[in-house]
Protein backbone atom coordinates (compact mmCIF):
# COMPACT_ATOMS: atom_id res chain seq x y z
CA MET A 1 8.75 22.84 28.92
CA LYS A 2 5.19 22.00 29.72
CA LYS A 3 3.72 23.19 32.96
CA LYS A 4 2.77 20.29 35.22
CA GLN A 5 -0.92 20.13 36.09
CA SER A 6 -1.72 20.38 39.76
CA THR A 7 -3.46 17.37 41.24
CA ALA A 8 -3.51 18.61 44.82
CA LYS A 9 -6.54 17.66 46.87
CA SER A 10 -7.27 21.33 47.53
CA ASP A 11 -7.84 21.88 43.79
CA ARG A 12 -10.53 19.21 43.64
CA PRO A 13 -14.10 20.07 44.55
CA ARG A 14 -15.11 18.47 47.84
CA ARG A 15 -17.76 15.80 47.65
CA LYS A 16 -20.78 16.86 49.64
CA VAL A 17 -21.51 14.46 52.48
CA PRO A 18 -25.22 13.68 52.78
CA PRO A 19 -26.77 14.63 56.12
CA THR A 20 -27.33 11.93 58.72
CA MET A 21 -30.66 13.50 59.71
CA LYS A 22 -33.03 15.48 57.48
CA TRP A 23 -32.62 18.72 59.43
CA GLN A 24 -28.80 18.80 59.01
CA THR A 25 -28.85 21.41 56.27
CA GLY A 26 -28.34 25.15 56.10
CA ALA A 27 -27.44 26.62 59.49
CA TYR A 28 -27.25 23.08 60.97
CA GLU A 29 -25.08 21.49 58.26
CA ARG A 30 -22.39 19.31 59.84
CA HIS A 31 -19.63 20.18 57.39
CA ALA A 32 -19.76 23.96 57.48
CA ASP A 33 -17.34 26.68 56.53
CA PHE A 34 -17.81 29.80 58.62
CA ARG A 35 -16.64 33.24 57.71
CA PHE A 36 -16.89 35.86 60.43
CA THR A 37 -14.86 38.64 61.98
CA LEU A 38 -12.95 37.65 65.08
CA PRO A 39 -13.10 40.24 67.86
CA TYR A 40 -9.76 42.05 67.87
CA GLN A 41 -9.11 41.42 71.56
CA PHE A 42 -9.82 37.69 71.02
CA LEU A 43 -7.25 37.62 68.23
CA LEU A 44 -4.72 39.49 70.41
CA LEU A 45 -5.27 37.05 73.26
CA CYS A 46 -4.82 34.06 70.94
CA LYS A 47 -1.55 35.48 69.62
CA LEU A 48 -0.25 36.24 73.11
CA MET A 49 -1.06 32.69 74.23
CA ASP A 50 0.34 31.20 71.01
CA VAL A 51 -2.89 29.34 70.26
CA THR A 52 -4.63 29.77 66.92
CA PRO A 53 -8.28 30.86 66.90
CA ASP A 54 -9.08 27.64 65.03
CA GLN A 55 -7.42 25.52 67.74
CA LEU A 56 -9.21 27.40 70.53
CA LEU A 57 -12.64 27.14 68.89
CA THR A 58 -12.09 23.46 68.05
CA ASP A 59 -11.09 22.72 71.66
CA PHE A 60 -14.19 24.60 72.84
CA MET A 61 -16.47 22.50 70.61
CA ASP A 62 -14.72 19.20 71.44
CA ASN A 63 -14.96 19.82 75.18
CA LEU A 64 -18.56 21.06 75.12
CA SER A 65 -19.68 18.09 73.00
CA CYS A 66 -18.16 15.64 75.53
CA GLY A 67 -16.60 13.65 72.73
CA SER A 68 -14.00 10.93 72.97
CA TRP A 69 -11.26 12.99 71.29
CA LYS A 70 -8.52 14.31 73.63
CA ARG A 71 -10.45 13.61 76.87
CA GLU A 72 -7.51 13.28 79.25
CA GLY A 73 -7.18 16.15 81.72
CA ARG A 74 -10.12 18.12 80.36
CA ASP A 75 -12.84 17.30 82.87
CA LYS A 76 -12.58 20.60 84.75
CA ALA A 77 -12.65 22.64 81.52
CA LYS A 78 -15.62 20.59 80.31
CA GLU A 79 -17.52 21.24 83.57
CA LYS A 80 -16.90 24.98 83.26
CA LEU A 81 -18.06 24.99 79.63
CA ILE A 82 -21.26 23.20 80.60
CA GLU A 83 -21.81 25.84 83.31
CA TYR A 84 -21.10 28.55 80.69
CA PHE A 85 -23.70 26.97 78.39
CA ILE A 86 -26.30 26.82 81.17
CA GLU A 87 -25.53 30.33 82.49
CA HIS A 88 -26.17 31.72 79.02
CA GLY A 89 -29.62 30.13 79.14
CA TYR A 90 -29.17 28.06 75.98
CA GLY A 91 -32.14 25.74 75.53
CA GLN A 92 -33.82 26.69 78.81
CA ASP A 93 -36.99 27.74 77.03
CA LEU A 94 -37.21 24.11 75.85
CA TYR A 95 -35.66 22.08 78.69
CA SER A 96 -35.07 22.40 82.43
CA THR A 97 -31.49 22.91 83.64
CA ASP A 98 -31.64 19.39 85.13
CA ASP A 99 -32.58 18.02 81.70
CA ILE A 100 -29.70 19.92 80.10
CA ARG A 101 -27.24 18.58 82.69
CA THR A 102 -28.56 15.07 82.03
CA MET A 103 -28.03 15.56 78.29
CA PHE A 104 -24.39 16.45 78.92
CA LYS A 105 -23.94 13.47 81.28
CA GLU A 106 -25.36 11.15 78.64
CA MET A 107 -23.09 12.59 75.94
CA ASP A 108 -20.12 12.25 78.28
CA ALA A 109 -20.96 8.59 78.98
CA VAL A 110 -20.75 7.85 75.24
CA GLY A 111 -17.40 9.64 75.02
CA ILE A 112 -15.97 7.75 78.00
CA VAL A 113 -16.45 4.31 76.44
CA TRP A 114 -14.09 4.96 73.50
CA PRO A 115 -12.11 1.72 72.97
CA ASP A 116 -8.53 2.89 73.68
CA ASN A 117 -5.77 0.90 71.95
CA ALA A 118 -8.34 -1.30 70.22
CA GLU A 119 -8.14 -3.05 66.87
CA MET A 120 -9.69 -1.20 63.91
CA GLU A 121 -12.57 -3.68 63.80
CA LEU A 122 -13.66 -2.77 67.34
CA ILE A 123 -13.25 0.96 66.65
CA ASP A 124 -15.45 0.59 63.55
CA LEU A 125 -18.08 -1.27 65.60
CA TYR A 126 -17.98 1.41 68.29
CA SER A 127 -18.29 4.18 65.69
CA ALA A 128 -21.31 2.52 64.08
CA TRP A 129 -22.94 2.01 67.50
CA ARG A 130 -22.19 5.61 68.52
CA LYS A 131 -23.79 6.95 65.34
CA LYS A 132 -26.97 4.93 65.99
CA HIS A 133 -26.98 5.85 69.66
CA TYR A 134 -26.68 9.58 68.94
CA SER A 135 -29.66 9.31 66.59
CA TYR A 136 -31.67 7.57 69.34
CA TRP A 137 -30.42 10.10 71.93
CA PHE A 138 -31.35 13.11 69.77
CA HIS A 139 -34.85 11.84 69.04
CA LYS A 140 -35.42 10.94 72.69
CA TRP A 141 -34.70 14.53 73.74
CA PHE A 142 -36.29 16.20 70.72
CA ARG A 143 -39.60 14.43 71.42
CA LYS A 144 -39.59 15.33 75.11
CA PRO A 145 -42.99 16.90 76.00
CA ARG A 146 -41.64 20.34 76.96
CA ARG A 147 -39.91 20.66 73.59
CA LYS A 148 -41.70 23.06 71.24
CA LEU A 149 -41.81 22.06 67.59
CA SER A 150 -40.65 24.76 65.20
C-alpha cells in the first residue's frame, strides 16, 4: 500500500502577509510567533483557573486594544488594563497621560461601532473604513509635536 501524502494546512508554508505600514516589520510585525519562557507561577495560576496562557494573553491584548471582538461585559477589565498601562509609564516620555487616555477613548469608539448582526457587505465596508481610520489615527498621534522621532 502506498502511504497517503499529507495535505494538511499545517504542512504548507504560510504566505507572508505584507505589512500595512512600512514600519510593521521585525519587532513590530503584525503576524508574529513568540517564543518565551512563561513564569512558573503564571503557568500554575493559569492551570488552577483552567485558562490557557494563550487565552489569557489574547484576552489581555483584545481588551487593551479596545477592539470590537468580545466587548460585552469587559468594560471594567478594559478600564483596569488601561490604568495598568498608564501606571507602568508606557509612552509617557512621548505623550501626556491625558493624550494616552484620549488614544484609548478613540480606539474604543471605533470598537463600539461594530455592525452587530449586519450583512457581510456592511461588515466588509466597516472593516475597510476601520483599516483606513486606524492609519489616519496612527499618523495623527505619531506626528504629534511631543513625539520624538527615532
